Amino acid sequence: MSINLSIFLIILGCAIVTFIPRVIPFIFVRNIDLPDVVSKWLSFIPICIFTGLIISSFIIEDGPFLSINWSILFAIIPTLIIALWTKSLSVTVLVGIICMASIRYFF
């Protein structure tokens, strides 16, 4: 497989454009002491994003109504139990991947 220079430059440009907004805020905030209110507010952002991703993956539009994707919900339940029990991100992600892979393989 040969790599065309223009395709390589496009991929490199996309990587830079994706990398910059993720790194620049950390560079600026690293040396600043944020007020406690801002720190507390920022602590909820990962939970909100995670909840939004989870909800949008198992609630689907079925015409004018909403429906539940049961296969995804059956993978979420054991993953949530393991997350609450272990409080370990790596174990939770591993269990979630195994649950979803098993459901997709068998059903």
PDB file of N, CA and C in Angstrom:
ATOM      1  N   MET A   1       0.848  -1.176   0.000  1.00  0.00           N
ATOM      2  CA  MET A   1       0.000   0.000   0.000  1.00  0.00           C
ATOM      3  C   MET A   1       0.887   1.229   0.000  1.00  0.00           C
ATOM      4  N   SER A   2       0.693   2.082  -0.965  1.00  0.00           N
ATOM      5  CA  SER A   2       1.492   3.306  -1.033  1.00  0.00           C
ATOM      6  C   SER A   2       0.726   4.457  -0.397  1.00  0.00           C
ATOM      7  N   ILE A   3       1.483   5.371   0.172  1.00  0.00           N
ATOM      8  CA  ILE A   3       0.885   6.527   0.821  1.00  0.00           C
ATOM      9  C   ILE A   3       1.129   7.751  -0.048  1.00  0.00           C
ATOM     10  N   ASN A   4       0.050   8.362  -0.454  1.00  0.00           N
ATOM     11  CA  ASN A   4       0.132   9.581  -1.232  1.00  0.00           C
ATOM     12  C   ASN A   4       0.466  10.728  -0.278  1.00  0.00           C
ATOM     13  N   LEU A   5       1.335  11.649  -0.681  1.00  0.00           N
ATOM     14  CA  LEU A   5       1.754  12.746   0.183  1.00  0.00           C
ATOM     15  C   LEU A   5       0.585  13.628   0.580  1.00  0.00           C
ATOM     16  N   SER A   6      -0.328  13.891  -0.323  1.00  0.00           N
ATOM     17  CA  SER A   6      -1.462  14.755   0.025  1.00  0.00           C
ATOM     18  C   SER A   6      -2.375  14.087   1.049  1.00  0.00           C
ATOM     19  N   ILE A   7      -2.592  12.784   0.931  1.00  0.00           N
ATOM     20  CA  ILE A   7      -3.400  12.062   1.907  1.00  0.00           C
ATOM     21  C   ILE A   7      -2.707  12.075   3.268  1.00  0.00           C
ATOM     22  N   PHE A   8      -1.383  11.873   3.268  1.00  0.00           N
ATOM     23  CA  PHE A   8      -0.633  11.914   4.518  1.00  0.00           C
ATOM     24  C   PHE A   8      -0.728  13.289   5.172  1.00  0.00           C
ATOM     25  N   LEU A   9      -0.628  14.355   4.395  1.00  0.00           N
ATOM     26  CA  LEU A   9      -0.727  15.707   4.951  1.00  0.00           C
ATOM     27  C   LEU A   9      -2.132  15.997   5.475  1.00  0.00           C
ATOM     28  N   ILE A  10      -3.144  15.473   4.817  1.00  0.00           N
ATOM     29  CA  ILE A  10      -4.514  15.649   5.300  1.00  0.00           C
ATOM     30  C   ILE A  10      -4.696  14.939   6.640  1.00  0.00           C
ATOM     31  N   ILE A  11      -4.195  13.712   6.745  1.00  0.00           N
ATOM     32  CA  ILE A  11      -4.296  12.976   8.007  1.00  0.00           C
ATOM     33  C   ILE A  11      -3.515  13.688   9.108  1.00  0.00           C
ATOM     34  N   LEU A  12      -2.336  14.183   8.790  1.00  0.00           N
ATOM     35  CA  LEU A  12      -1.534  14.922   9.762  1.00  0.00           C
ATOM     36  C   LEU A  12      -2.244  16.206  10.197  1.00  0.00           C
ATOM     37  N   GLY A  13      -2.839  16.912   9.245  1.00  0.00           N
ATOM     38  CA  GLY A  13      -3.596  18.133   9.574  1.00  0.00           C
ATOM     39  C   GLY A  13      -4.794  17.826  10.451  1.00  0.00           C
ATOM     40  N   CYS A  14      -5.500  16.761  10.172  1.00  0.00           N
ATOM     41  CA  CYS A  14      -6.639  16.362  11.012  1.00  0.00           C
ATOM     42  C   CYS A  14      -6.186  16.006  12.421  1.00  0.00           C
ATOM     43  N   ALA A  15      -5.053  15.348  12.532  1.00  0.00           N
ATOM     44  CA  ALA A  15      -4.525  15.006  13.855  1.00  0.00           C
ATOM     45  C   ALA A  15      -4.167  16.258  14.642  1.00  0.00           C
ATOM     46  N   ILE A  16      -3.562  17.222  13.984  1.00  0.00           N
ATOM     47  CA  ILE A  16      -3.190  18.469  14.664  1.00  0.00           C
ATOM     48  C   ILE A  16      -4.428  19.243  15.087  1.00  0.00           C
ATOM     49  N   VAL A  17      -5.401  19.348  14.195  1.00  0.00           N
ATOM     50  CA  VAL A  17      -6.633  20.077  14.509  1.00  0.00           C
ATOM     51  C   VAL A  17      -7.402  19.393  15.645  1.00  0.00           C
ATOM     52  N   THR A  18      -7.338  18.086  15.732  1.00  0.00           N
ATOM     53  CA  THR A  18      -7.992  17.368  16.817  1.00  0.00           C
ATOM     54  C   THR A  18      -7.209  17.493  18.118  1.00  0.00           C
ATOM     55  N   PHE A  19      -5.895  17.506  18.027  1.00  0.00           N
ATOM     56  CA  PHE A  19      -5.038  17.540  19.201  1.00  0.00           C
ATOM     57  C   PHE A  19      -5.047  18.906  19.892  1.00  0.00           C
ATOM     58  N   ILE A  20      -5.058  19.973  19.116  1.00  0.00           N
ATOM     59  CA  ILE A  20      -4.949  21.328  19.683  1.00  0.00           C
ATOM     60  C   ILE A  20      -6.066  21.659  20.672  1.00  0.00           C
ATOM     61  N   PRO A  21      -7.351  21.482  20.343  1.00  0.00           N
ATOM     62  CA  PRO A  21      -8.373  21.844  21.325  1.00  0.00           C
ATOM     63  C   PRO A  21      -8.372  20.968  22.579  1.00  0.00           C
ATOM     64  N   ARG A  22      -7.740  19.826  22.503  1.00  0.00           N
ATOM     65  CA  ARG A  22      -7.688  18.959  23.687  1.00  0.00           C
ATOM     66  C   ARG A  22      -6.515  19.299  24.594  1.00  0.00           C
ATOM     67  N   VAL A  23      -5.464  19.894  24.052  1.00  0.00           N
ATOM     68  CA  VAL A  23      -4.267  20.152  24.840  1.00  0.00           C
ATOM     69  C   VAL A  23      -4.172  21.596  25.314  1.00  0.00           C
ATOM     70  N   ILE A  24      -4.553  22.549  24.482  1.00  0.00           N
ATOM     71  CA  ILE A  24      -4.413  23.970  24.827  1.00  0.00           C
ATOM     72  C   ILE A  24      -5.109  24.325  26.142  1.00  0.00           C
ATOM     73  N   PRO A  25      -6.337  23.893  26.406  1.00  0.00           N
ATOM     74  CA  PRO A  25      -6.942  24.246  27.700  1.00  0.00           C
ATOM     75  C   PRO A  25      -6.142  23.737  28.898  1.00  0.00           C
ATOM     76  N   PHE A  26      -5.563  22.557  28.790  1.00  0.00           N
ATOM     77  CA  PHE A  26      -4.770  22.035  29.901  1.00  0.00           C
ATOM     78  C   PHE A  26      -3.497  22.845  30.108  1.00  0.00           C
ATOM     79  N   ILE A  27      -2.908  23.331  29.041  1.00  0.00           N
ATOM     80  CA  ILE A  27      -1.696  24.138  29.157  1.00  0.00           C
ATOM     81  C   ILE A  27      -2.000  25.451  29.877  1.00  0.00           C
ATOM     82  N   PHE A  28      -3.125  26.083  29.539  1.00  0.00           N
ATOM     83  CA  PHE A  28      -3.465  27.353  30.174  1.00  0.00           C
ATOM     84  C   PHE A  28      -3.941  27.192  31.609  1.00  0.00           C
ATOM     85  N   VAL A  29      -4.696  26.159  31.908  1.00  0.00           N
ATOM     86  CA  VAL A  29      -5.284  25.990  33.231  1.00  0.00           C
ATOM     87  C   VAL A  29      -4.293  25.353  34.211  1.00  0.00           C
ATOM     88  N   ARG A  30      -3.262  24.751  33.709  1.00  0.00           N
ATOM     89  CA  ARG A  30      -2.299  24.050  34.559  1.00  0.00           C
ATOM     90  C   ARG A  30      -1.676  24.963  35.615  1.00  0.00           C
ATOM     91  N   ASN A  31      -1.395  26.198  35.271  1.00  0.00           N
ATOM     92  CA  ASN A  31      -0.716  27.114  36.183  1.00  0.00           C
ATOM     93  C   ASN A  31      -1.660  28.055  36.911  1.00  0.00           C
ATOM     94  N   ILE A  32      -2.964  27.868  36.765  1.00  0.00           N
ATOM     95  CA  ILE A  32      -3.951  28.751  37.380  1.00  0.00           C
ATOM     96  C   ILE A  32      -4.694  27.981  38.466  1.00  0.00           C
ATOM     97  N   ASP A  33      -4.866  28.617  39.616  1.00  0.00           N
ATOM     98  CA  ASP A  33      -5.703  28.035  40.664  1.00  0.00           C
ATOM     99  C   ASP A  33      -7.146  28.447  40.416  1.00  0.00           C
ATOM    100  N   LEU A  34      -7.964  27.482  40.089  1.00  0.00           N
ATOM    101  CA  LEU A  34      -9.370  27.759  39.804  1.00  0.00           C
ATOM    102  C   LEU A  34     -10.148  27.879  41.108  1.00  0.00           C
ATOM    103  N   PRO A  35     -11.180  28.728  41.121  1.00  0.00           N
ATOM    104  CA  PRO A  35     -12.018  28.803  42.317  1.00  0.00           C
ATOM    105  C   PRO A  35     -12.688  27.453  42.599  1.00  0.00           C
ATOM    106  N   ASP A  36     -13.044  27.235  43.851  1.00  0.00           N
ATOM    107  CA  ASP A  36     -13.659  25.960  44.243  1.00  0.00           C
ATOM    108  C   ASP A  36     -14.960  25.691  43.502  1.00  0.00           C
ATOM    109  N   VAL A  37     -15.731  26.744  43.233  1.00  0.00           N
ATOM    110  CA  VAL A  37     -17.001  26.575  42.514  1.00  0.00           C
ATOM    111  C   VAL A  37     -16.737  26.039  41.105  1.00  0.00           C
ATOM    112  N   VAL A  38     -15.726  26.573  40.440  1.00  0.00           N
ATOM    113  CA  VAL A  38     -15.403  26.131  39.075  1.00  0.00           C
ATOM    114  C   VAL A  38     -14.872  24.701  39.104  1.00  0.00           C
ATOM    115  N   SER A  39     -14.017  24.382  40.053  1.00  0.00           N
ATOM    116  CA  SER A  39     -13.479  23.023  40.160  1.00  0.00           C
ATOM    117  C   SER A  39     -14.592  22.011  40.418  1.00  0.00           C
ATOM    118  N   LYS A  40     -15.529  22.374  41.288  1.00  0.00           N
ATOM    119  CA  LYS A  40     -16.654  21.469  41.577  1.00  0.00           C
ATOM    120  C   LYS A  40     -17.515  21.282  40.330  1.00  0.00           C
ATOM    121  N   TRP A  41     -17.771  22.379  39.605  1.00  0.00           N
ATOM    122  CA  TRP A  41     -18.574  22.293  38.385  1.00  0.00           C
ATOM    123  C   TRP A  41     -17.869  21.433  37.340  1.00  0.00           C
ATOM    124  N   LEU A  42     -16.568  21.605  37.184  1.00  0.00           N
ATOM    125  CA  LEU A  42     -15.824  20.819  36.199  1.00  0.00           C
ATOM    126  C   LEU A  42     -15.771  19.338  36.562  1.00  0.00           C
ATOM    127  N   SER A  43     -15.899  19.012  37.843  1.00  0.00           N
ATOM    128  CA  SER A  43     -15.856  17.602  38.241  1.00  0.00           C
ATOM    129  C   SER A  43     -17.070  16.820  37.749  1.00  0.00           C
ATOM    130  N   PHE A  44     -18.178  17.524  37.432  1.00  0.00           N
ATOM    131  CA  PHE A  44     -19.385  16.841  36.962  1.00  0.00           C
ATOM    132  C   PHE A  44     -19.399  16.621  35.452  1.00  0.00           C
ATOM    133  N   ILE A  45     -18.515  17.263  34.723  1.00  0.00           N
ATOM    134  CA  ILE A  45     -18.547  17.177  33.265  1.00  0.00           C
ATOM    135  C   ILE A  45     -18.323  15.758  32.747  1.00  0.00           C
ATOM    136  N   PRO A  46     -17.336  14.984  33.234  1.00  0.00           N
ATOM    137  CA  PRO A  46     -17.199  13.607  32.719  1.00  0.00           C
ATOM    138  C   PRO A  46     -18.438  12.756  32.960  1.00  0.00           C
ATOM    139  N   ILE A  47     -19.092  12.925  34.100  1.00  0.00           N
ATOM    140  CA  ILE A  47     -20.301  12.155  34.391  1.00  0.00           C
ATOM    141  C   ILE A  47     -21.410  12.516  33.404  1.00  0.00           C
ATOM    142  N   CYS A  48     -21.551  13.808  33.120  1.00  0.00           N
ATOM    143  CA  CYS A  48     -22.602  14.256  32.189  1.00  0.00           C
ATOM    144  C   CYS A  48     -22.344  13.742  30.779  1.00  0.00           C
ATOM    145  N   ILE A  49     -21.108  13.816  30.334  1.00  0.00           N
ATOM    146  CA  ILE A  49     -20.777  13.341  28.988  1.00  0.00           C
ATOM    147  C   ILE A  49     -20.999  11.831  28.894  1.00  0.00           C
ATOM    148  N   PHE A  50     -20.551  11.097  29.910  1.00  0.00           N
ATOM    149  CA  PHE A  50     -20.723   9.648  29.921  1.00  0.00           C
ATOM    150  C   PHE A  50     -22.204   9.271  29.912  1.00  0.00           C
ATOM    151  N   THR A  51     -22.994   9.968  30.728  1.00  0.00           N
ATOM    152  CA  THR A  51     -24.432   9.697  30.771  1.00  0.00           C
ATOM    153  C   THR A  51     -25.081   9.985  29.418  1.00  0.00           C
ATOM    154  N   GLY A  52     -24.706  11.086  28.802  1.00  0.00           N
ATOM    155  CA  GLY A  52     -25.250  11.408  27.482  1.00  0.00           C
ATOM    156  C   GLY A  52     -24.910  10.356  26.436  1.00  0.00           C
ATOM    157  N   LEU A  53     -23.688   9.860  26.465  1.00  0.00           N
ATOM    158  CA  LEU A  53     -23.295   8.817  25.519  1.00  0.00           C
ATOM    159  C   LEU A  53     -24.049   7.513  25.755  1.00  0.00           C
ATOM    160  N   ILE A  54     -24.215   7.156  27.014  1.00  0.00           N
ATOM    161  CA  ILE A  54     -24.914   5.913  27.341  1.00  0.00           C
ATOM    162  C   ILE A  54     -26.390   6.009  26.955  1.00  0.00           C
ATOM    163  N   ILE A  55     -27.038   7.087  27.359  1.00  0.00           N
ATOM    164  CA  ILE A  55     -28.471   7.238  27.071  1.00  0.00           C
ATOM    165  C   ILE A  55     -28.720   7.273  25.566  1.00  0.00           C
ATOM    166  N   SER A  56     -27.865   8.002  24.838  1.00  0.00           N
ATOM    167  CA  SER A  56     -28.088   8.098  23.391  1.00  0.00           C
ATOM    168  C   SER A  56     -27.811   6.778  22.672  1.00  0.00           C
ATOM    169  N   SER A  57     -27.092   5.866  23.315  1.00  0.00           N
ATOM    170  CA  SER A  57     -26.816   4.602  22.638  1.00  0.00           C
ATOM    171  C   SER A  57     -27.931   3.578  22.815  1.00  0.00           C
ATOM    172  N   PHE A  58     -28.680   3.635  23.915  1.00  0.00           N
ATOM    173  CA  PHE A  58     -29.702   2.599  24.070  1.00  0.00           C
ATOM    174  C   PHE A  58     -31.128   3.107  23.915  1.00  0.00           C
ATOM    175  N   ILE A  59     -31.333   4.398  23.814  1.00  0.00           N
ATOM    176  CA  ILE A  59     -32.662   4.916  23.492  1.00  0.00           C
ATOM    177  C   ILE A  59     -32.635   5.334  22.023  1.00  0.00           C
ATOM    178  N   ILE A  60     -33.494   4.716  21.222  1.00  0.00           N
ATOM    179  CA  ILE A  60     -33.511   4.960  19.787  1.00  0.00           C
ATOM    180  C   ILE A  60     -34.879   5.486  19.366  1.00  0.00           C
ATOM    181  N   GLU A  61     -34.890   6.219  18.267  1.00  0.00           N
ATOM    182  CA  GLU A  61     -36.150   6.724  17.725  1.00  0.00           C
ATOM    183  C   GLU A  61     -36.794   5.640  16.872  1.00  0.00           C
ATOM    184  N   ASP A  62     -38.052   5.408  17.140  1.00  0.00           N
ATOM    185  CA  ASP A  62     -38.821   4.427  16.376  1.00  0.00           C
ATOM    186  C   ASP A  62     -40.040   5.146  15.829  1.00  0.00           C
ATOM    187  N   GLY A  63     -39.821   5.892  14.757  1.00  0.00           N
ATOM    188  CA  GLY A  63     -40.891   6.733  14.219  1.00  0.00           C
ATOM    189  C   GLY A  63     -41.114   7.910  15.151  1.00  0.00           C
ATOM    190  N   PRO A  64     -42.364   8.162  15.525  1.00  0.00           N
ATOM    191  CA  PRO A  64     -42.621   9.285  16.435  1.00  0.00           C
ATOM    192  C   PRO A  64     -42.367   8.929  17.905  1.00  0.00           C
ATOM    193  N   PHE A  65     -42.033   7.688  18.186  1.00  0.00           N
ATOM    194  CA  PHE A  65     -41.871   7.225  19.560  1.00  0.00           C
ATOM    195  C   PHE A  65     -40.403   6.910  19.851  1.00  0.00           C
ATOM    196  N   LEU A  66     -40.100   6.769  21.124  1.00  0.00           N
ATOM    197  CA  LEU A  66     -38.778   6.328  21.546  1.00  0.00           C
ATOM    198  C   LEU A  66     -38.845   4.860  21.922  1.00  0.00           C
ATOM    199  N   SER A  67     -37.770   4.159  21.650  1.00  0.00           N
ATOM    200  CA  SER A  67     -37.707   2.734  21.933  1.00  0.00           C
ATOM    201  C   SER A  67     -36.372   2.431  22.612  1.00  0.00           C
ATOM    202  N   ILE A  68     -36.278   1.277  23.220  1.00  0.00           N
ATOM    203  CA  ILE A  68     -35.057   0.879  23.918  1.00  0.00           C
ATOM    204  C   ILE A  68     -34.367  -0.217  23.124  1.00  0.00           C
ATOM    205  N   ASN A  69     -33.067  -0.059  22.923  1.00  0.00           N
ATOM    206  CA  ASN A  69     -32.265  -1.103  22.311  1.00  0.00           C
ATOM    207  C   ASN A  69     -31.876  -2.065  23.430  1.00  0.00           C
ATOM    208  N   TRP A  70     -32.584  -3.172  23.535  1.00  0.00           N
ATOM    209  CA  TRP A  70     -32.444  -4.077  24.666  1.00  0.00           C
ATOM    210  C   TRP A  70     -31.073  -4.728  24.739  1.00  0.00           C
ATOM    211  N   SER A  71     -30.449  -4.988  23.617  1.00  0.00           N
ATOM    212  CA  SER A  71     -29.134  -5.632  23.661  1.00  0.00           C
ATOM    213  C   SER A  71     -28.107  -4.728  24.341  1.00  0.00           C
ATOM    214  N   ILE A  72     -28.178  -3.444  24.061  1.00  0.00           N
ATOM    215  CA  ILE A  72     -27.247  -2.512  24.706  1.00  0.00           C
ATOM    216  C   ILE A  72     -27.593  -2.363  26.183  1.00  0.00           C
ATOM    217  N   LEU A  73     -28.870  -2.333  26.507  1.00  0.00           N
ATOM    218  CA  LEU A  73     -29.272  -2.217  27.908  1.00  0.00           C
ATOM    219  C   LEU A  73     -28.811  -3.433  28.714  1.00  0.00           C
ATOM    220  N   PHE A  74     -28.848  -4.627  28.094  1.00  0.00           N
ATOM    221  CA  PHE A  74     -28.387  -5.831  28.784  1.00  0.00           C
ATOM    222  C   PHE A  74     -26.871  -5.818  28.989  1.00  0.00           C
ATOM    223  N   ALA A  75     -26.135  -5.050  28.205  1.00  0.00           N
ATOM    224  CA  ALA A  75     -24.695  -4.904  28.434  1.00  0.00           C
ATOM    225  C   ALA A  75     -24.420  -3.812  29.459  1.00  0.00           C
ATOM    226  N   ILE A  76     -25.279  -2.800  29.527  1.00  0.00           N
ATOM    227  CA  ILE A  76     -25.080  -1.689  30.459  1.00  0.00           C
ATOM    228  C   ILE A  76     -25.290  -2.129  31.903  1.00  0.00           C
ATOM    229  N   ILE A  77     -26.268  -2.965  32.155  1.00  0.00           N
ATOM    230  CA  ILE A  77     -26.618  -3.338  33.542  1.00  0.00           C
ATOM    231  C   ILE A  77     -25.455  -4.017  34.271  1.00  0.00           C
ATOM    232  N   PRO A  78     -24.840  -5.088  33.736  1.00  0.00           N
ATOM    233  CA  PRO A  78     -23.707  -5.666  34.465  1.00  0.00           C
ATOM    234  C   PRO A  78     -22.503  -4.727  34.534  1.00  0.00           C
ATOM    235  N   THR A  79     -22.325  -3.920  33.501  1.00  0.00           N
ATOM    236  CA  THR A  79     -21.219  -2.961  33.514  1.00  0.00           C
ATOM    237  C   THR A  79     -21.413  -1.933  34.618  1.00  0.00           C
ATOM    238  N   LEU A  80     -22.633  -1.456  34.781  1.00  0.00           N
ATOM    239  CA  LEU A  80     -22.929  -0.493  35.840  1.00  0.00           C
ATOM    240  C   LEU A  80     -22.724  -1.120  37.222  1.00  0.00           C
ATOM    241  N   ILE A  81     -23.138  -2.362  37.378  1.00  0.00           N
ATOM    242  CA  ILE A  81     -22.952  -3.049  38.666  1.00  0.00           C
ATOM    243  C   ILE A  81     -21.466  -3.180  38.991  1.00  0.00           C
ATOM    244  N   ILE A  82     -20.667  -3.572  38.006  1.00  0.00           N
ATOM    245  CA  ILE A  82     -19.219  -3.703  38.215  1.00  0.00           C
ATOM    246  C   ILE A  82     -18.595  -2.338  38.494  1.00  0.00           C
ATOM    247  N   ALA A  83     -19.063  -1.297  37.812  1.00  0.00           N
ATOM    248  CA  ALA A  83     -18.526   0.048  38.040  1.00  0.00           C
ATOM    249  C   ALA A  83     -18.792   0.509  39.466  1.00  0.00           C
ATOM    250  N   LEU A  84     -19.998   0.273  39.958  1.00  0.00           N
ATOM    251  CA  LEU A  84     -20.330   0.679  41.325  1.00  0.00           C
ATOM    252  C   LEU A  84     -19.601  -0.176  42.357  1.00  0.00           C
ATOM    253  N   TRP A  85     -19.372  -1.438  42.029  1.00  0.00           N
ATOM    254  CA  TRP A  85     -18.734  -2.339  42.969  1.00  0.00           C
ATOM    255  C   TRP A  85     -17.223  -2.112  43.046  1.00  0.00           C
ATOM    256  N   THR A  86     -16.549  -2.010  41.885  1.00  0.00           N
ATOM    257  CA  THR A  86     -15.092  -1.910  41.878  1.00  0.00           C
ATOM    258  C   THR A  86     -14.584  -0.470  41.880  1.00  0.00           C
ATOM    259  N   LYS A  87     -15.346   0.450  41.312  1.00  0.00           N
ATOM    260  CA  LYS A  87     -14.930   1.844  41.150  1.00  0.00           C
ATOM    261  C   LYS A  87     -13.605   1.945  40.388  1.00  0.00           C
ATOM    262  N   SER A  88     -13.411   1.037  39.470  1.00  0.00           N
ATOM    263  CA  SER A  88     -12.206   0.998  38.647  1.00  0.00           C
ATOM    264  C   SER A  88     -12.594   1.218  37.192  1.00  0.00           C
ATOM    265  N   LEU A  89     -12.030   2.246  36.579  1.00  0.00           N
ATOM    266  CA  LEU A  89     -12.367   2.554  35.192  1.00  0.00           C
ATOM    267  C   LEU A  89     -11.924   1.441  34.254  1.00  0.00           C
ATOM    268  N   SER A  90     -10.728   0.913  34.447  1.00  0.00           N
ATOM    269  CA  SER A  90     -10.234  -0.113  33.534  1.00  0.00           C
ATOM    270  C   SER A  90     -11.050  -1.403  33.629  1.00  0.00           C
ATOM    271  N   VAL A  91     -11.412  -1.802  34.833  1.00  0.00           N
ATOM    272  CA  VAL A  91     -12.235  -3.012  34.991  1.00  0.00           C
ATOM    273  C   VAL A  91     -13.616  -2.782  34.393  1.00  0.00           C
ATOM    274  N   THR A  92     -14.177  -1.593  34.617  1.00  0.00           N
ATOM    275  CA  THR A  92     -15.498  -1.279  34.073  1.00  0.00           C
ATOM    276  C   THR A  92     -15.497  -1.313  32.552  1.00  0.00           C
ATOM    277  N   VAL A  93     -14.497  -0.706  31.946  1.00  0.00           N
ATOM    278  CA  VAL A  93     -14.413  -0.700  30.483  1.00  0.00           C
ATOM    279  C   VAL A  93     -14.229  -2.117  29.959  1.00  0.00           C
ATOM    280  N   LEU A  94     -13.395  -2.897  30.616  1.00  0.00           N
ATOM    281  CA  LEU A  94     -13.166  -4.271  30.191  1.00  0.00           C
ATOM    282  C   LEU A  94     -14.446  -5.104  30.278  1.00  0.00           C
ATOM    283  N   VAL A  95     -15.184  -4.965  31.374  1.00  0.00           N
ATOM    284  CA  VAL A  95     -16.446  -5.697  31.531  1.00  0.00           C
ATOM    285  C   VAL A  95     -17.457  -5.236  30.481  1.00  0.00           C
ATOM    286  N   GLY A  96     -17.520  -3.938  30.226  1.00  0.00           N
ATOM    287  CA  GLY A  96     -18.440  -3.426  29.209  1.00  0.00           C
ATOM    288  C   GLY A  96     -18.132  -3.965  27.827  1.00  0.00           C
ATOM    289  N   ILE A  97     -16.858  -4.011  27.495  1.00  0.00           N
ATOM    290  CA  ILE A  97     -16.458  -4.544  26.183  1.00  0.00           C
ATOM    291  C   ILE A  97     -16.793  -6.025  26.086  1.00  0.00           C
ATOM    292  N   ILE A  98     -16.509  -6.772  27.137  1.00  0.00           N
ATOM    293  CA  ILE A  98     -16.799  -8.211  27.125  1.00  0.00           C
ATOM    294  C   ILE A  98     -18.305  -8.459  27.038  1.00  0.00           C
ATOM    295  N   CYS A  99     -19.104  -7.695  27.795  1.00  0.00           N
ATOM    296  CA  CYS A  99     -20.569  -7.859  27.743  1.00  0.00           C
ATOM    297  C   CYS A  99     -21.108  -7.548  26.353  1.00  0.00           C
ATOM    298  N   MET A 100     -20.681  -6.442  25.789  1.00  0.00           N
ATOM    299  CA  MET A 100     -21.206  -6.061  24.473  1.00  0.00           C
ATOM    300  C   MET A 100     -20.740  -7.045  23.395  1.00  0.00           C
ATOM    301  N   ALA A 101     -19.488  -7.483  23.470  1.00  0.00           N
ATOM    302  CA  ALA A 101     -18.989  -8.451  22.486  1.00  0.00           C
ATOM    303  C   ALA A 101     -19.736  -9.770  22.605  1.00  0.00           C
ATOM    304  N   SER A 102     -20.003 -10.195  23.827  1.00  0.00           N
ATOM    305  CA  SER A 102     -20.735 -11.452  24.029  1.00  0.00           C
ATOM    306  C   SER A 102     -22.155 -11.361  23.489  1.00  0.00           C
ATOM    307  N   ILE A 103     -22.815 -10.253  23.765  1.00  0.00           N
ATOM    308  CA  ILE A 103     -24.188 -10.084  23.283  1.00  0.00           C
ATOM    309  C   ILE A 103     -24.221 -10.046  21.763  1.00  0.00           C
ATOM    310  N   ARG A 104     -23.291  -9.350  21.162  1.00  0.00           N
ATOM    311  CA  ARG A 104     -23.263  -9.287  19.691  1.00  0.00           C
ATOM    312  C   ARG A 104     -22.883 -10.624  19.074  1.00  0.00           C
ATOM    313  N   TYR A 105     -22.054 -11.395  19.749  1.00  0.00           N
ATOM    314  CA  TYR A 105     -21.651 -12.690  19.218  1.00  0.00           C
ATOM    315  C   TYR A 105     -22.782 -13.715  19.310  1.00  0.00           C
ATOM    316  N   PHE A 106     -23.462 -13.754  20.456  1.00  0.00           N
ATOM    317  CA  PHE A 106     -24.489 -14.772  20.651  1.00  0.00           C
ATOM    318  C   PHE A 106     -25.864 -14.366  20.131  1.00  0.00           C
ATOM    319  N   PHE A 107     -26.133 -13.096  19.984  1.00  0.00           N
ATOM    320  CA  PHE A 107     -27.456 -12.680  19.541  1.00  0.00           C
ATOM    321  C   PHE A 107     -27.312 -11.936  18.277  1.00  0.00           C
TER     322      PHE A 107
END
